Amino acid sequence: MPVYQLLGGKAVEKLRYSYFITSETAPTAKDRAKEAAEAVAGGVTSIGMKAEGFGGGAHSVEKDIENVTEVKKVIGNSAEISYDANAAFDFYSSLKLGRALDQLGLYKFEQPNPAWDIDGLVALRAQLKTPICAHESTVLIPGLMEVIKRKAADILGTKLASAGGITAGVQWAAIAKASALGMYCGAMNGPWEAAAQAHWLCSEAEFGKQAQAVFFPVTMYGKFDTTRSVDVDIIKNPMKYKDGYFWPPEGPGVGLELNEKAMPKYITKGKSIVTIGDKKPAAARAR
């Protein structure tokens, strides 16, 4: 049966995703605005902005402010905007950037300070209007508990694989839900991790209240609607994305099926497929 059924069934039929833009794919502010506009045209209602330098290059608060300002100017209120520093800034830089973001009406300022700097998150939350999201600080349950106790964030985040898989994710969600704070799942995933996260996320209603960062398959497929025919070679039934939402794949386990016919094209040149049990061990042949 599907993993979501093992977790108690669907509490959410579909989940909204946040589409992230980085300097790696959009090096200038105008490039970022163009990519954001394309995402909105594809039905996306939540845009995430990564810090300047994410994926390579130098960090720059001034460039970050320029990037977010340009995106806001182009898409206006057609989609919410968040900013993710990935724990890259010291407190002063975080405060400077946060005050600029306050003027732009962002819905979330994600992990500005290093994961260990809970004091910094507390201080920022007291001085900024934009809601603070802890992510690197709350991936694991001990950090989650510390942030909750210290009232260091408005939104709590994790990554399913980094948290310890689905079992740990269920425990994480139970604690986060009891805090009555926002619940968020980030990702740096391909189709397999995205499918596992989709099953976990749809089993808890609280995850349906905000956009989740389960978006990497969209960039891999190169389209915002994967409900039509999509050639992804190794997967027969790609995960469905449409109008800014995603659905957990149906079927046993996480619901994805390997396309065996496509595998030969990926064999390393000069090698061949070996089926387990097809050949006797070298030691046995020697005897």
C-alpha atoms as a PDB file:
ATOM      1  CA  MET A   1       0.000   0.000   0.000  1.00  0.00           C
ATOM      2  CA  PRO A   2       1.106   3.642  -0.302  1.00  0.00           C
ATOM      3  CA  VAL A   3       3.308   5.006   2.492  1.00  0.00           C
ATOM      4  CA  TYR A   4       0.717   7.694   3.275  1.00  0.00           C
ATOM      5  CA  GLN A   5      -1.756   4.905   4.085  1.00  0.00           C
ATOM      6  CA  LEU A   6       0.733   3.352   6.505  1.00  0.00           C
ATOM      7  CA  LEU A   7       0.939   6.769   8.188  1.00  0.00           C
ATOM      8  CA  GLY A   8      -2.816   6.912   8.784  1.00  0.00           C
ATOM      9  CA  GLY A   9      -4.118   8.069   5.419  1.00  0.00           C
ATOM     10  CA  LYS A  10      -4.227  11.410   3.640  1.00  0.00           C
ATOM     11  CA  ALA A  11      -4.981  14.456   5.751  1.00  0.00           C
ATOM     12  CA  VAL A  12      -4.200  16.686   2.735  1.00  0.00           C
ATOM     13  CA  GLU A  13      -5.085  15.755  -0.857  1.00  0.00           C
ATOM     14  CA  LYS A  14      -2.527  18.058  -2.481  1.00  0.00           C
ATOM     15  CA  LEU A  15       0.265  20.315  -1.227  1.00  0.00           C
ATOM     16  CA  ARG A  16       1.451  23.717  -2.379  1.00  0.00           C
ATOM     17  CA  TYR A  17       5.137  24.035  -3.244  1.00  0.00           C
ATOM     18  CA  SER A  18       7.597  26.904  -3.066  1.00  0.00           C
ATOM     19  CA  TYR A  19       9.762  27.302  -6.177  1.00  0.00           C
ATOM     20  CA  PHE A  20      13.300  28.478  -5.343  1.00  0.00           C
ATOM     21  CA  ILE A  21      15.485  30.737  -7.478  1.00  0.00           C
ATOM     22  CA  THR A  22      19.286  30.912  -7.095  1.00  0.00           C
ATOM     23  CA  SER A  23      22.191  32.871  -8.545  1.00  0.00           C
ATOM     24  CA  GLU A  24      23.303  29.619 -10.165  1.00  0.00           C
ATOM     25  CA  THR A  25      20.364  29.641 -12.605  1.00  0.00           C
ATOM     26  CA  ALA A  26      19.637  33.388 -12.490  1.00  0.00           C
ATOM     27  CA  PRO A  27      22.853  35.413 -11.977  1.00  0.00           C
ATOM     28  CA  THR A  28      21.318  38.898 -12.189  1.00  0.00           C
ATOM     29  CA  ALA A  29      18.326  40.527 -10.514  1.00  0.00           C
ATOM     30  CA  LYS A  30      16.532  40.750 -13.875  1.00  0.00           C
ATOM     31  CA  ASP A  31      17.239  37.049 -14.496  1.00  0.00           C
ATOM     32  CA  ARG A  32      15.664  36.226 -11.151  1.00  0.00           C
ATOM     33  CA  ALA A  33      12.635  38.358 -11.894  1.00  0.00           C
ATOM     34  CA  LYS A  34      12.238  36.664 -15.301  1.00  0.00           C
ATOM     35  CA  GLU A  35      12.411  33.189 -13.745  1.00  0.00           C
ATOM     36  CA  ALA A  36       9.935  34.206 -11.035  1.00  0.00           C
ATOM     37  CA  ALA A  37       7.507  35.510 -13.670  1.00  0.00           C
ATOM     38  CA  GLU A  38       7.781  32.237 -15.610  1.00  0.00           C
ATOM     39  CA  ALA A  39       7.052  30.265 -12.443  1.00  0.00           C
ATOM     40  CA  VAL A  40       4.004  32.405 -11.647  1.00  0.00           C
ATOM     41  CA  ALA A  41       2.773  31.912 -15.223  1.00  0.00           C
ATOM     42  CA  GLY A  42       3.130  28.170 -14.570  1.00  0.00           C
ATOM     43  CA  GLY A  43       0.787  28.380 -11.585  1.00  0.00           C
ATOM     44  CA  VAL A  44       3.342  28.793  -8.778  1.00  0.00           C
ATOM     45  CA  THR A  45       2.049  30.864  -5.847  1.00  0.00           C
ATOM     46  CA  SER A  46       5.165  30.792  -3.641  1.00  0.00           C
ATOM     47  CA  ILE A  47       8.630  31.973  -4.702  1.00  0.00           C
ATOM     48  CA  GLY A  48      11.707  31.276  -2.587  1.00  0.00           C
ATOM     49  CA  MET A  49      14.834  33.388  -3.050  1.00  0.00           C
ATOM     50  CA  LYS A  50      18.225  31.914  -2.190  1.00  0.00           C
ATOM     51  CA  ALA A  51      21.048  34.129  -0.888  1.00  0.00           C
ATOM     52  CA  GLU A  52      23.432  35.639  -3.401  1.00  0.00           C
ATOM     53  CA  GLY A  53      26.356  33.247  -3.715  1.00  0.00           C
ATOM     54  CA  PHE A  54      24.329  30.115  -2.968  1.00  0.00           C
ATOM     55  CA  GLY A  55      25.769  27.453  -5.268  1.00  0.00           C
ATOM     56  CA  GLY A  56      28.985  29.451  -5.766  1.00  0.00           C
ATOM     57  CA  GLY A  57      30.187  33.045  -5.500  1.00  0.00           C
ATOM     58  CA  ALA A  58      30.415  35.682  -2.788  1.00  0.00           C
ATOM     59  CA  HIS A  59      27.623  36.677  -0.408  1.00  0.00           C
ATOM     60  CA  SER A  60      26.305  40.221  -0.712  1.00  0.00           C
ATOM     61  CA  VAL A  61      23.527  41.785   1.360  1.00  0.00           C
ATOM     62  CA  GLU A  62      23.246  44.655  -1.123  1.00  0.00           C
ATOM     63  CA  LYS A  63      22.813  42.230  -4.038  1.00  0.00           C
ATOM     64  CA  ASP A  64      20.240  40.244  -2.065  1.00  0.00           C
ATOM     65  CA  ILE A  65      18.187  43.371  -1.488  1.00  0.00           C
ATOM     66  CA  GLU A  66      18.421  44.232  -5.192  1.00  0.00           C
ATOM     67  CA  ASN A  67      17.343  40.697  -6.185  1.00  0.00           C
ATOM     68  CA  VAL A  68      14.294  40.592  -3.930  1.00  0.00           C
ATOM     69  CA  THR A  69      13.274  44.154  -4.839  1.00  0.00           C
ATOM     70  CA  GLU A  70      13.358  43.362  -8.559  1.00  0.00           C
ATOM     71  CA  VAL A  71      11.361  40.144  -8.168  1.00  0.00           C
ATOM     72  CA  LYS A  72       8.763  41.939  -6.059  1.00  0.00           C
ATOM     73  CA  LYS A  73       8.502  44.715  -8.653  1.00  0.00           C
ATOM     74  CA  VAL A  74       7.843  42.226 -11.455  1.00  0.00           C
ATOM     75  CA  ILE A  75       5.470  39.725  -9.811  1.00  0.00           C
ATOM     76  CA  GLY A  76       3.862  42.064  -7.272  1.00  0.00           C
ATOM     77  CA  ASN A  77       1.351  40.219  -5.097  1.00  0.00           C
ATOM     78  CA  SER A  78       0.698  37.415  -7.573  1.00  0.00           C
ATOM     79  CA  ALA A  79       2.851  35.091  -5.416  1.00  0.00           C
ATOM     80  CA  GLU A  80       4.250  35.190  -1.908  1.00  0.00           C
ATOM     81  CA  ILE A  81       8.016  35.635  -1.581  1.00  0.00           C
ATOM     82  CA  SER A  82      10.399  34.188   0.990  1.00  0.00           C
ATOM     83  CA  TYR A  83      14.142  34.577   1.433  1.00  0.00           C
ATOM     84  CA  ASP A  84      16.520  31.785   2.509  1.00  0.00           C
ATOM     85  CA  ALA A  85      20.004  32.666   3.759  1.00  0.00           C
ATOM     86  CA  ASN A  86      20.933  29.014   4.436  1.00  0.00           C
ATOM     87  CA  ALA A  87      22.583  30.019   7.739  1.00  0.00           C
ATOM     88  CA  ALA A  88      25.127  32.144   5.842  1.00  0.00           C
ATOM     89  CA  PHE A  89      25.082  35.486   7.684  1.00  0.00           C
ATOM     90  CA  ASP A  90      26.321  36.933  10.957  1.00  0.00           C
ATOM     91  CA  PHE A  91      23.834  38.781  13.153  1.00  0.00           C
ATOM     92  CA  TYR A  92      24.591  42.290  11.877  1.00  0.00           C
ATOM     93  CA  SER A  93      24.194  41.268   8.215  1.00  0.00           C
ATOM     94  CA  SER A  94      21.003  39.375   9.045  1.00  0.00           C
ATOM     95  CA  LEU A  95      19.547  42.423  10.805  1.00  0.00           C
ATOM     96  CA  LYS A  96      20.485  44.753   7.935  1.00  0.00           C
ATOM     97  CA  LEU A  97      18.942  42.439   5.367  1.00  0.00           C
ATOM     98  CA  GLY A  98      15.919  41.672   7.541  1.00  0.00           C
ATOM     99  CA  ARG A  99      15.050  45.368   7.893  1.00  0.00           C
ATOM    100  CA  ALA A 100      15.118  45.730   4.110  1.00  0.00           C
ATOM    101  CA  LEU A 101      12.940  42.641   3.683  1.00  0.00           C
ATOM    102  CA  ASP A 102      10.440  44.068   6.174  1.00  0.00           C
ATOM    103  CA  GLN A 103       9.752  46.865   3.675  1.00  0.00           C
ATOM    104  CA  LEU A 104       9.015  44.373   0.883  1.00  0.00           C
ATOM    105  CA  GLY A 105       6.334  42.359   2.671  1.00  0.00           C
ATOM    106  CA  LEU A 106       7.950  38.918   2.576  1.00  0.00           C
ATOM    107  CA  TYR A 107       6.129  36.099   4.312  1.00  0.00           C
ATOM    108  CA  LYS A 108       9.254  34.343   5.621  1.00  0.00           C
ATOM    109  CA  PHE A 109      12.951  34.994   6.398  1.00  0.00           C
ATOM    110  CA  GLU A 110      14.525  31.553   6.527  1.00  0.00           C
ATOM    111  CA  GLN A 111      17.543  30.658   8.689  1.00  0.00           C
ATOM    112  CA  PRO A 112      19.568  33.892   8.455  1.00  0.00           C
ATOM    113  CA  ASN A 113      22.041  32.931  11.203  1.00  0.00           C
ATOM    114  CA  PRO A 114      24.271  29.868  11.687  1.00  0.00           C
ATOM    115  CA  ALA A 115      22.422  26.798  12.973  1.00  0.00           C
ATOM    116  CA  TRP A 116      24.045  27.079  16.426  1.00  0.00           C
ATOM    117  CA  ASP A 117      23.114  30.755  16.897  1.00  0.00           C
ATOM    118  CA  ILE A 118      19.723  30.384  18.601  1.00  0.00           C
ATOM    119  CA  ASP A 119      20.367  33.631  20.512  1.00  0.00           C
ATOM    120  CA  GLY A 120      20.670  35.427  17.180  1.00  0.00           C
ATOM    121  CA  LEU A 121      17.325  34.055  15.984  1.00  0.00           C
ATOM    122  CA  VAL A 122      15.688  35.189  19.218  1.00  0.00           C
ATOM    123  CA  ALA A 123      17.099  38.705  18.810  1.00  0.00           C
ATOM    124  CA  LEU A 124      16.124  38.938  15.146  1.00  0.00           C
ATOM    125  CA  ARG A 125      12.594  37.773  15.844  1.00  0.00           C
ATOM    126  CA  ALA A 126      12.252  40.541  18.437  1.00  0.00           C
ATOM    127  CA  GLN A 127      13.419  43.247  16.018  1.00  0.00           C
ATOM    128  CA  LEU A 128      11.896  42.272  12.662  1.00  0.00           C
ATOM    129  CA  LYS A 129       8.352  42.153  11.295  1.00  0.00           C
ATOM    130  CA  THR A 130       9.012  39.366   8.763  1.00  0.00           C
ATOM    131  CA  PRO A 131       8.349  35.916  10.312  1.00  0.00           C
ATOM    132  CA  ILE A 132      11.538  34.002  11.128  1.00  0.00           C
ATOM    133  CA  CYS A 133      11.817  30.409   9.906  1.00  0.00           C
ATOM    134  CA  ALA A 134      14.353  28.142  11.612  1.00  0.00           C
ATOM    135  CA  HIS A 135      15.553  25.403   9.296  1.00  0.00           C
ATOM    136  CA  GLU A 136      19.140  24.265   9.756  1.00  0.00           C
ATOM    137  CA  SER A 137      18.615  24.925  13.480  1.00  0.00           C
ATOM    138  CA  THR A 138      15.576  22.616  13.667  1.00  0.00           C
ATOM    139  CA  VAL A 139      16.331  19.788  11.230  1.00  0.00           C
ATOM    140  CA  LEU A 140      16.917  17.388  14.131  1.00  0.00           C
ATOM    141  CA  ILE A 141      14.628  16.986  17.132  1.00  0.00           C
ATOM    142  CA  PRO A 142      17.079  18.354  19.774  1.00  0.00           C
ATOM    143  CA  GLY A 143      17.414  21.616  17.821  1.00  0.00           C
ATOM    144  CA  LEU A 144      13.669  21.705  17.237  1.00  0.00           C
ATOM    145  CA  MET A 145      13.047  21.475  20.987  1.00  0.00           C
ATOM    146  CA  GLU A 146      15.593  24.208  21.733  1.00  0.00           C
ATOM    147  CA  VAL A 147      14.092  26.656  19.221  1.00  0.00           C
ATOM    148  CA  ILE A 148      10.575  26.019  20.540  1.00  0.00           C
ATOM    149  CA  LYS A 149      11.613  26.503  24.166  1.00  0.00           C
ATOM    150  CA  ARG A 150      13.538  29.695  23.370  1.00  0.00           C
ATOM    151  CA  LYS A 151      10.718  31.102  21.173  1.00  0.00           C
ATOM    152  CA  ALA A 152      13.326  31.685  18.497  1.00  0.00           C
ATOM    153  CA  ALA A 153      11.138  31.266  15.396  1.00  0.00           C
ATOM    154  CA  ASP A 154       7.650  31.636  13.948  1.00  0.00           C
ATOM    155  CA  ILE A 155       8.055  28.706  11.534  1.00  0.00           C
ATOM    156  CA  LEU A 156       9.849  25.402  12.142  1.00  0.00           C
ATOM    157  CA  GLY A 157      11.599  23.565   9.317  1.00  0.00           C
ATOM    158  CA  THR A 158      13.282  20.257   8.593  1.00  0.00           C
ATOM    159  CA  LYS A 159      14.363  18.028   5.696  1.00  0.00           C
ATOM    160  CA  LEU A 160      13.042  14.494   5.776  1.00  0.00           C
ATOM    161  CA  ALA A 161      16.258  12.747   4.715  1.00  0.00           C
ATOM    162  CA  SER A 162      18.409  14.877   7.026  1.00  0.00           C
ATOM    163  CA  ALA A 163      15.998  14.424   9.933  1.00  0.00           C
ATOM    164  CA  GLY A 164      16.412  10.655   9.799  1.00  0.00           C
ATOM    165  CA  GLY A 165      13.734   9.440   7.408  1.00  0.00           C
ATOM    166  CA  ILE A 166       9.994   8.938   7.694  1.00  0.00           C
ATOM    167  CA  THR A 167       9.952   7.511  11.228  1.00  0.00           C
ATOM    168  CA  ALA A 168      11.936  10.461  12.591  1.00  0.00           C
ATOM    169  CA  GLY A 169       9.784  12.773  10.457  1.00  0.00           C
ATOM    170  CA  VAL A 170       6.614  11.537  12.137  1.00  0.00           C
ATOM    171  CA  GLN A 171       8.168  12.212  15.551  1.00  0.00           C
ATOM    172  CA  TRP A 172       9.391  15.654  14.408  1.00  0.00           C
ATOM    173  CA  ALA A 173       5.933  16.595  13.124  1.00  0.00           C
ATOM    174  CA  ALA A 174       4.209  15.562  16.357  1.00  0.00           C
ATOM    175  CA  ILE A 175       6.486  17.856  18.384  1.00  0.00           C
ATOM    176  CA  ALA A 176       6.267  20.748  15.917  1.00  0.00           C
ATOM    177  CA  LYS A 177       2.477  20.498  15.774  1.00  0.00           C
ATOM    178  CA  ALA A 178       2.243  20.675  19.579  1.00  0.00           C
ATOM    179  CA  SER A 179       4.106  24.013  19.459  1.00  0.00           C
ATOM    180  CA  ALA A 180       1.317  25.572  17.335  1.00  0.00           C
ATOM    181  CA  LEU A 181       3.982  27.149  15.096  1.00  0.00           C
ATOM    182  CA  GLY A 182       4.210  26.902  11.313  1.00  0.00           C
ATOM    183  CA  MET A 183       5.589  23.629   9.889  1.00  0.00           C
ATOM    184  CA  TYR A 184       7.842  23.575   6.830  1.00  0.00           C
ATOM    185  CA  CYS A 185       9.840  20.996   4.891  1.00  0.00           C
ATOM    186  CA  GLY A 186      12.821  21.980   2.772  1.00  0.00           C
ATOM    187  CA  ALA A 187      14.519  19.827   0.170  1.00  0.00           C
ATOM    188  CA  MET A 188      17.438  19.389  -2.162  1.00  0.00           C
ATOM    189  CA  ASN A 189      15.843  16.420  -3.806  1.00  0.00           C
ATOM    190  CA  GLY A 190      15.282  14.450  -6.957  1.00  0.00           C
ATOM    191  CA  PRO A 191      12.123  12.464  -7.714  1.00  0.00           C
ATOM    192  CA  TRP A 192      12.640   9.688  -5.157  1.00  0.00           C
ATOM    193  CA  GLU A 193      13.135  11.857  -2.076  1.00  0.00           C
ATOM    194  CA  ALA A 194      10.399  14.211  -3.282  1.00  0.00           C
ATOM    195  CA  ALA A 195       7.947  11.305  -3.488  1.00  0.00           C
ATOM    196  CA  ALA A 196       8.826  10.108   0.023  1.00  0.00           C
ATOM    197  CA  GLN A 197       8.351  13.637   1.373  1.00  0.00           C
ATOM    198  CA  ALA A 198       5.025  13.990  -0.418  1.00  0.00           C
ATOM    199  CA  HIS A 199       3.682  10.849   1.287  1.00  0.00           C
ATOM    200  CA  TRP A 200       4.849  12.056   4.692  1.00  0.00           C
ATOM    201  CA  LEU A 201       3.632  15.634   4.235  1.00  0.00           C
ATOM    202  CA  CYS A 202       0.122  14.688   3.087  1.00  0.00           C
ATOM    203  CA  SER A 203      -0.377  12.555   6.207  1.00  0.00           C
ATOM    204  CA  GLU A 204      -0.361  15.648   8.471  1.00  0.00           C
ATOM    205  CA  ALA A 205      -2.893  18.453   7.933  1.00  0.00           C
ATOM    206  CA  GLU A 206      -0.590  21.147   9.348  1.00  0.00           C
ATOM    207  CA  PHE A 207       1.744  20.762   6.366  1.00  0.00           C
ATOM    208  CA  GLY A 208      -1.091  21.859   4.088  1.00  0.00           C
ATOM    209  CA  LYS A 209      -1.129  25.349   5.621  1.00  0.00           C
ATOM    210  CA  GLN A 210       1.969  26.658   3.831  1.00  0.00           C
ATOM    211  CA  ALA A 211       4.084  25.947   0.769  1.00  0.00           C
ATOM    212  CA  GLN A 212       6.731  23.233   1.028  1.00  0.00           C
ATOM    213  CA  ALA A 213      10.062  23.170  -0.834  1.00  0.00           C
ATOM    214  CA  VAL A 214       9.421  19.899  -2.668  1.00  0.00           C
ATOM    215  CA  PHE A 215      10.087  21.358  -6.109  1.00  0.00           C
ATOM    216  CA  PHE A 216      13.249  19.853  -7.603  1.00  0.00           C
ATOM    217  CA  PRO A 217      11.448  17.402  -9.926  1.00  0.00           C
ATOM    218  CA  VAL A 218       9.857  20.440 -11.608  1.00  0.00           C
ATOM    219  CA  THR A 219      13.309  21.763 -12.545  1.00  0.00           C
ATOM    220  CA  MET A 220      14.393  18.302 -13.681  1.00  0.00           C
ATOM    221  CA  TYR A 221      11.329  17.903 -15.931  1.00  0.00           C
ATOM    222  CA  GLY A 222      11.686  21.479 -17.179  1.00  0.00           C
ATOM    223  CA  LYS A 223       7.950  22.201 -16.880  1.00  0.00           C
ATOM    224  CA  PHE A 224       5.453  23.260 -14.225  1.00  0.00           C
ATOM    225  CA  ASP A 225       2.796  20.750 -15.325  1.00  0.00           C
ATOM    226  CA  THR A 226       3.890  17.112 -15.144  1.00  0.00           C
ATOM    227  CA  THR A 227       0.353  15.696 -15.399  1.00  0.00           C
ATOM    228  CA  ARG A 228       0.810  15.529 -19.178  1.00  0.00           C
ATOM    229  CA  SER A 229       3.278  13.280 -20.967  1.00  0.00           C
ATOM    230  CA  VAL A 230       6.745  13.737 -19.485  1.00  0.00           C
ATOM    231  CA  ASP A 231       9.864  11.919 -20.696  1.00  0.00           C
ATOM    232  CA  VAL A 232      12.015  11.309 -17.635  1.00  0.00           C
ATOM    233  CA  ASP A 233      13.477   8.032 -18.791  1.00  0.00           C
ATOM    234  CA  ILE A 234      14.068   6.191 -15.530  1.00  0.00           C
ATOM    235  CA  ILE A 235      10.570   6.767 -14.063  1.00  0.00           C
ATOM    236  CA  LYS A 236       7.416   5.400 -15.659  1.00  0.00           C
ATOM    237  CA  ASN A 237       4.976   7.496 -13.653  1.00  0.00           C
ATOM    238  CA  PRO A 238       6.553  10.825 -12.639  1.00  0.00           C
ATOM    239  CA  MET A 239       5.243  12.676  -9.613  1.00  0.00           C
ATOM    240  CA  LYS A 240       2.415  15.075 -10.483  1.00  0.00           C
ATOM    241  CA  TYR A 241       2.866  18.849 -10.310  1.00  0.00           C
ATOM    242  CA  LYS A 242       0.271  21.338 -11.573  1.00  0.00           C
ATOM    243  CA  ASP A 243      -0.923  24.872 -10.761  1.00  0.00           C
ATOM    244  CA  GLY A 244       1.613  25.242  -7.952  1.00  0.00           C
ATOM    245  CA  TYR A 245       0.602  21.988  -6.211  1.00  0.00           C
ATOM    246  CA  PHE A 246       2.053  18.492  -5.984  1.00  0.00           C
ATOM    247  CA  TRP A 247       0.472  15.131  -5.183  1.00  0.00           C
ATOM    248  CA  PRO A 248       1.924  12.000  -3.538  1.00  0.00           C
ATOM    249  CA  PRO A 249       2.325   9.304  -6.213  1.00  0.00           C
ATOM    250  CA  GLU A 250      -0.207   6.492  -5.939  1.00  0.00           C
ATOM    251  CA  GLY A 251       0.871   2.863  -5.683  1.00  0.00           C
ATOM    252  CA  PRO A 252       2.913   0.669  -3.341  1.00  0.00           C
ATOM    253  CA  GLY A 253       5.586   2.365  -1.240  1.00  0.00           C
ATOM    254  CA  VAL A 254       6.385   5.868  -2.465  1.00  0.00           C
ATOM    255  CA  GLY A 255       4.530   5.088  -5.709  1.00  0.00           C
ATOM    256  CA  LEU A 256       7.290   5.520  -8.296  1.00  0.00           C
ATOM    257  CA  GLU A 257       8.098   2.755 -10.768  1.00  0.00           C
ATOM    258  CA  LEU A 258      11.505   2.228 -12.356  1.00  0.00           C
ATOM    259  CA  ASN A 259      11.525   2.184 -16.156  1.00  0.00           C
ATOM    260  CA  GLU A 260      13.618  -0.947 -16.756  1.00  0.00           C
ATOM    261  CA  LYS A 261      13.621  -0.441 -20.543  1.00  0.00           C
ATOM    262  CA  ALA A 262      15.399   2.902 -20.170  1.00  0.00           C
ATOM    263  CA  MET A 263      18.212   1.586 -17.976  1.00  0.00           C
ATOM    264  CA  PRO A 264      20.514   0.224 -20.749  1.00  0.00           C
ATOM    265  CA  LYS A 265      21.176   3.763 -22.046  1.00  0.00           C
ATOM    266  CA  TYR A 266      22.776   4.600 -18.679  1.00  0.00           C
ATOM    267  CA  ILE A 267      25.165   1.642 -18.576  1.00  0.00           C
ATOM    268  CA  THR A 268      28.786   2.788 -18.362  1.00  0.00           C
ATOM    269  CA  LYS A 269      30.516   2.176 -21.683  1.00  0.00           C
ATOM    270  CA  GLY A 270      32.283  -1.181 -21.683  1.00  0.00           C
ATOM    271  CA  LYS A 271      30.142  -2.520 -18.817  1.00  0.00           C
ATOM    272  CA  SER A 272      27.045  -4.691 -18.783  1.00  0.00           C
ATOM    273  CA  ILE A 273      24.149  -5.371 -16.414  1.00  0.00           C
ATOM    274  CA  VAL A 274      24.813  -8.052 -13.806  1.00  0.00           C
ATOM    275  CA  THR A 275      21.777  -9.599 -12.135  1.00  0.00           C
ATOM    276  CA  ILE A 276      22.292 -10.615  -8.495  1.00  0.00           C
ATOM    277  CA  GLY A 277      22.516 -14.418  -8.329  1.00  0.00           C
ATOM    278  CA  ASP A 278      23.308 -14.600 -12.040  1.00  0.00           C
ATOM    279  CA  LYS A 279      26.939 -15.524 -11.518  1.00  0.00           C
ATOM    280  CA  LYS A 280      28.713 -17.731  -9.007  1.00  0.00           C
ATOM    281  CA  PRO A 281      31.022 -15.973  -6.497  1.00  0.00           C
ATOM    282  CA  ALA A 282      34.686 -15.878  -7.538  1.00  0.00           C
ATOM    283  CA  ALA A 283      35.665 -18.116  -4.593  1.00  0.00           C
ATOM    284  CA  ALA A 284      33.180 -20.778  -5.646  1.00  0.00           C
ATOM    285  CA  ARG A 285      34.454 -20.712  -9.245  1.00  0.00           C
ATOM    286  CA  ALA A 286      38.018 -21.123  -7.984  1.00  0.00           C
ATOM    287  CA  ARG A 287      37.087 -24.350  -6.200  1.00  0.00           C
END
